């Protein structure tokens, strides 16, 4: 409840201009604290809500041990793929929508696998720690992995036909942190605005309110992917 409230208040003030946008910072920090709290105590929360058959098993079946290490590896691989492959959504129009649709498919697969395991190998979930690792690995891992695969497939198998149109830069933005990121907001024909990540040189070369040429290819799943931005020269 607290996290949901903080998200609403954060986005209410985050898009304001001037000093008033700083009001969003406390809500972001409170929301992150609540999220970290849940993550740290998630094992205890699950055990209290759904008590396991045993806290620790002295003897573990080979398949149960296999699922423990498989889920751990799946989660690790999915996090690596997300870190290095998540940026592909920066150039996908309506990329957030594609991300959640693909992620939802991953969750659906995790639900099916969980049902099969509970029917055919219920002992996988007897041990408290193993149950926690298997659930986390399957649901979080498959969510992230499906999202990355969906974005990669949409881009890699995109139509080779490139269409270039002019679009107006609504605003520019710089995001600080360990590394500086540069963004521009573009407005499309359906009156839809979206943020895209660009390099520092392109950021300095473009101006707010300027029309630039945007080259787009049609993704496999119908989500357009931007190949490059070009400055329209005045002759």
Protein backbone atom coordinates (compact mmCIF):
# COMPACT_ATOMS: atom_id res chain seq x y z
CA UNK A 1 0.00 0.00 0.00
CA UNK A 2 2.81 2.39 0.90
CA UNK A 3 4.73 1.59 -2.29
CA UNK A 4 1.65 2.12 -4.46
CA UNK A 5 0.93 5.46 -2.77
CA UNK A 6 4.55 6.58 -3.21
CA UNK A 7 4.49 5.66 -6.91
CA UNK A 8 1.37 7.77 -7.47
CA UNK A 9 2.79 10.77 -5.60
CA UNK A 10 6.22 10.39 -7.21
CA UNK A 11 4.87 10.56 -10.76
CA UNK A 12 2.52 13.37 -9.77
CA UNK A 13 5.43 15.68 -8.92
CA UNK A 14 8.29 14.17 -10.99
CA UNK A 15 7.22 15.84 -14.25
CA UNK A 16 6.88 19.30 -12.70
CA UNK A 17 9.33 21.95 -13.82
CA UNK A 18 11.52 23.89 -11.45
CA UNK A 19 12.14 23.28 -7.77
CA UNK A 20 8.69 21.76 -7.20
CA UNK A 21 9.86 18.50 -8.81
CA UNK A 22 12.10 17.94 -5.76
CA UNK A 23 8.92 17.12 -3.82
CA UNK A 24 8.97 13.74 -5.61
CA UNK A 25 12.32 12.77 -4.01
CA UNK A 26 11.02 11.92 -0.49
CA UNK A 27 8.29 9.71 -1.95
CA UNK A 28 10.87 7.90 -4.09
CA UNK A 29 13.09 7.27 -1.04
CA UNK A 30 10.17 6.07 1.11
CA UNK A 31 8.99 3.74 -1.65
CA UNK A 32 12.49 2.30 -2.12
CA UNK A 33 12.83 1.76 1.65
CA UNK A 34 9.55 -0.17 1.73
CA UNK A 35 10.62 -2.25 -1.28
CA UNK A 36 13.98 -3.11 0.32
CA UNK A 37 12.21 -3.97 3.58
CA UNK A 38 9.91 -6.43 1.80
CA UNK A 39 12.82 -7.95 -0.10
CA UNK A 40 14.87 -8.46 3.09
CA UNK A 41 11.97 -10.05 4.97
CA UNK A 42 10.33 -11.84 2.05
CA UNK A 43 11.41 -15.32 3.22
CA UNK A 44 9.93 -14.73 6.67
CA UNK A 45 6.75 -13.25 5.16
CA UNK A 46 6.28 -16.30 2.90
CA UNK A 47 6.96 -18.76 5.74
CA UNK A 48 4.48 -16.99 8.05
CA UNK A 49 1.79 -16.82 5.37
CA UNK A 50 2.40 -20.30 3.93
CA UNK A 51 4.26 -22.43 6.50
CA UNK A 52 6.67 -24.96 4.94
CA UNK A 53 6.70 -28.64 5.88
CA UNK A 54 10.24 -28.27 7.18
CA UNK A 55 12.71 -25.47 7.80
CA UNK A 56 15.67 -27.53 6.69
CA UNK A 57 15.99 -30.99 5.15
CA UNK A 58 18.88 -33.21 6.15
CA UNK A 59 18.40 -35.41 3.07
CA UNK A 60 17.58 -33.85 -0.29
CA UNK A 61 16.34 -35.67 -3.36
CA UNK A 62 18.52 -35.23 -6.48
CA UNK A 63 15.74 -33.54 -8.43
CA UNK A 64 14.99 -31.14 -5.57
CA UNK A 65 18.66 -30.20 -5.42
CA UNK A 66 18.70 -29.79 -9.20
CA UNK A 67 15.73 -27.37 -9.08
CA UNK A 68 17.47 -25.35 -6.36
CA UNK A 69 20.61 -24.82 -8.43
CA UNK A 70 18.69 -24.48 -11.69
CA UNK A 71 16.52 -21.69 -10.27
CA UNK A 72 19.55 -19.90 -8.81
CA UNK A 73 21.36 -20.09 -12.16
CA UNK A 74 18.26 -18.95 -14.05
CA UNK A 75 17.92 -15.90 -11.80
CA UNK A 76 21.60 -15.03 -12.17
CA UNK A 77 21.56 -15.37 -15.98
CA UNK A 78 18.36 -13.32 -16.28
CA UNK A 79 19.85 -10.49 -14.20
CA UNK A 80 22.99 -10.46 -16.38
CA UNK A 81 20.85 -10.41 -19.54
CA UNK A 82 18.75 -7.58 -18.12
CA UNK A 83 21.79 -5.49 -17.21
CA UNK A 84 23.39 -5.82 -20.64
CA UNK A 85 20.25 -6.17 -22.81
CA UNK A 86 17.72 -3.90 -21.15
CA UNK A 87 18.99 -0.85 -23.07
CA UNK A 88 17.46 -2.16 -26.30
CA UNK A 89 14.11 -0.88 -25.06
CA UNK A 90 15.51 2.65 -25.06
CA UNK A 91 15.06 2.73 -28.84
CA UNK A 92 11.75 0.86 -29.07
CA UNK A 93 8.58 2.89 -29.49
CA UNK A 94 6.03 1.76 -26.87
CA UNK A 95 8.88 -0.33 -25.50
CA UNK A 96 7.47 -0.27 -21.95
CA UNK A 97 4.30 -1.95 -23.18
CA UNK A 98 6.28 -4.65 -24.99
CA UNK A 99 8.45 -5.16 -21.90
CA UNK A 100 5.47 -5.85 -19.64
CA UNK A 101 3.66 -8.04 -22.18
CA UNK A 102 6.75 -10.19 -22.70
CA UNK A 103 7.37 -10.26 -18.95
CA UNK A 104 3.76 -11.34 -18.33
CA UNK A 105 4.31 -14.27 -20.70
CA UNK A 106 7.34 -15.23 -18.62
CA UNK A 107 5.20 -15.10 -15.47
CA UNK A 108 2.57 -17.30 -17.15
CA UNK A 109 5.26 -19.86 -18.00
CA UNK A 110 6.48 -19.74 -14.38
CA UNK A 111 2.92 -20.39 -13.14
CA UNK A 112 2.56 -23.42 -15.43
CA UNK A 113 5.94 -24.82 -14.36
CA UNK A 114 5.04 -24.28 -10.69
CA UNK A 115 1.73 -26.12 -11.08
CA UNK A 116 3.50 -29.03 -12.80
CA UNK A 117 6.14 -29.19 -10.06
CA UNK A 118 3.55 -29.09 -7.27
CA UNK A 119 1.74 -32.03 -8.90
CA UNK A 120 4.68 -34.16 -10.01
CA UNK A 121 7.40 -33.21 -7.48
CA UNK A 122 5.83 -31.48 -4.45
CA UNK A 123 8.89 -32.16 -2.29
CA UNK A 124 10.67 -29.36 -4.18
CA UNK A 125 8.68 -26.92 -2.01
CA UNK A 126 8.98 -28.74 1.33
CA UNK A 127 12.17 -27.03 2.43
CA UNK A 128 11.79 -23.34 3.38
CA UNK A 129 14.96 -22.01 1.77
CA UNK A 130 14.65 -24.15 -1.35
CA UNK A 131 11.02 -23.10 -1.86
CA UNK A 132 12.05 -19.46 -1.64
CA UNK A 133 14.90 -19.88 -4.13
CA UNK A 134 12.82 -21.90 -6.61
CA UNK A 135 9.93 -19.43 -6.54
CA UNK A 136 12.25 -16.42 -6.89
CA UNK A 137 14.28 -18.01 -9.66
CA UNK A 138 11.28 -19.13 -11.70
CA UNK A 139 9.11 -16.03 -11.40
CA UNK A 140 11.71 -13.25 -11.37
CA UNK A 141 14.08 -15.09 -13.69
CA UNK A 142 11.48 -16.00 -16.32
CA UNK A 143 9.93 -12.53 -16.12
CA UNK A 144 13.22 -10.78 -16.88
CA UNK A 145 14.40 -13.37 -19.39
CA UNK A 146 11.13 -13.29 -21.33
CA UNK A 147 11.18 -9.49 -21.37
CA UNK A 148 14.72 -9.39 -22.76
CA UNK A 149 14.04 -12.13 -25.31
CA UNK A 150 10.87 -10.31 -26.43
CA UNK A 151 12.72 -7.04 -27.00
CA UNK A 152 15.67 -8.72 -28.70
CA UNK A 153 13.45 -10.80 -31.01
CA UNK A 154 11.35 -7.78 -31.95
CA UNK A 155 14.49 -5.86 -32.94
CA UNK A 156 16.62 -8.65 -34.43
CA UNK A 157 13.88 -9.90 -36.77
CA UNK A 158 12.61 -6.44 -37.69
CA UNK A 159 11.67 -5.57 -41.25
CA UNK A 160 14.69 -4.33 -43.20
CA UNK A 161 12.63 -1.56 -44.80
CA UNK A 162 13.63 1.70 -43.14
CA UNK A 163 11.17 4.60 -42.99
CA UNK A 164 12.47 8.07 -42.09
CA UNK A 165 10.15 10.83 -40.89
CA UNK A 166 10.58 14.17 -39.17
CA UNK A 167 9.56 14.45 -35.51
CA UNK A 168 9.74 17.32 -33.05
CA UNK A 169 11.91 17.24 -29.94
CA UNK A 170 9.58 18.15 -27.09
CA UNK A 171 12.33 18.48 -24.49
CA UNK A 172 15.84 17.35 -23.55
CA UNK A 173 16.94 15.81 -20.28
CA UNK A 174 20.13 14.75 -18.53
CA UNK A 175 20.15 12.04 -15.89
CA UNK A 176 23.05 11.91 -13.46
CA UNK A 177 24.42 9.03 -11.41
CA UNK A 178 27.45 6.80 -11.78
CA UNK A 179 27.33 7.71 -15.47
CA UNK A 180 25.56 10.57 -17.20
CA UNK A 181 22.71 9.68 -19.57
CA UNK A 182 21.24 11.95 -22.22
CA UNK A 183 17.61 11.80 -23.34
CA UNK A 184 15.26 13.48 -25.78
CA UNK A 185 11.47 13.38 -25.83
CA UNK A 186 9.81 12.97 -29.23
CA UNK A 187 6.22 13.47 -30.28
CA UNK A 188 4.70 11.05 -32.79
CA UNK A 189 1.72 11.16 -35.13
CA UNK A 190 -0.70 9.66 -32.59
CA UNK A 191 0.18 12.51 -30.17
CA UNK A 192 2.24 10.06 -28.17
CA UNK A 193 5.40 11.25 -26.42
CA UNK A 194 8.30 8.98 -25.52
CA UNK A 195 11.81 9.34 -24.14
CA UNK A 196 14.87 7.98 -25.98
CA UNK A 197 18.46 7.65 -24.89
CA UNK A 198 21.08 9.29 -27.13
CA UNK A 199 24.78 10.07 -26.92
CA UNK A 200 26.26 13.30 -25.60
CA UNK A 201 27.32 14.51 -29.07
CA UNK A 202 23.80 14.06 -30.49
CA UNK A 203 22.33 15.65 -27.38
CA UNK A 204 24.44 18.78 -27.84
CA UNK A 205 23.65 18.82 -31.56
CA UNK A 206 19.87 18.78 -31.10
CA UNK A 207 17.70 21.58 -29.68
CA UNK A 208 14.33 21.59 -27.99
CA UNK A 209 11.53 22.35 -30.45
CA UNK A 210 13.69 21.27 -33.38
CA UNK A 211 12.46 18.83 -36.00
CA UNK A 212 14.82 15.92 -36.61
CA UNK A 213 14.70 12.97 -38.97
CA UNK A 214 13.96 9.68 -37.24
CA UNK A 215 14.58 6.41 -39.11
CA UNK A 216 12.36 3.52 -38.01
CA UNK A 217 12.01 -0.18 -38.85
CA UNK A 218 8.96 -2.30 -38.10
CA UNK A 219 9.69 -4.83 -35.35
CA UNK A 220 8.64 -8.46 -35.57
CA UNK A 221 5.91 -7.97 -32.99
CA UNK A 222 4.74 -4.68 -34.48
CA UNK A 223 6.73 -2.41 -32.16
CA UNK A 224 8.78 0.08 -34.18
CA UNK A 225 12.49 0.28 -33.48
CA UNK A 226 14.50 3.47 -34.07
CA UNK A 227 17.77 2.85 -35.88
CA UNK A 228 19.12 6.40 -35.82
CA UNK A 229 18.39 10.10 -35.48
CA UNK A 230 19.47 12.66 -38.07
CA UNK A 231 19.61 16.42 -37.95
CA UNK A 232 17.64 18.06 -40.76
CA UNK A 233 20.03 20.42 -42.52
CA UNK A 234 18.88 23.83 -43.72
CA UNK A 235 20.06 24.40 -47.27
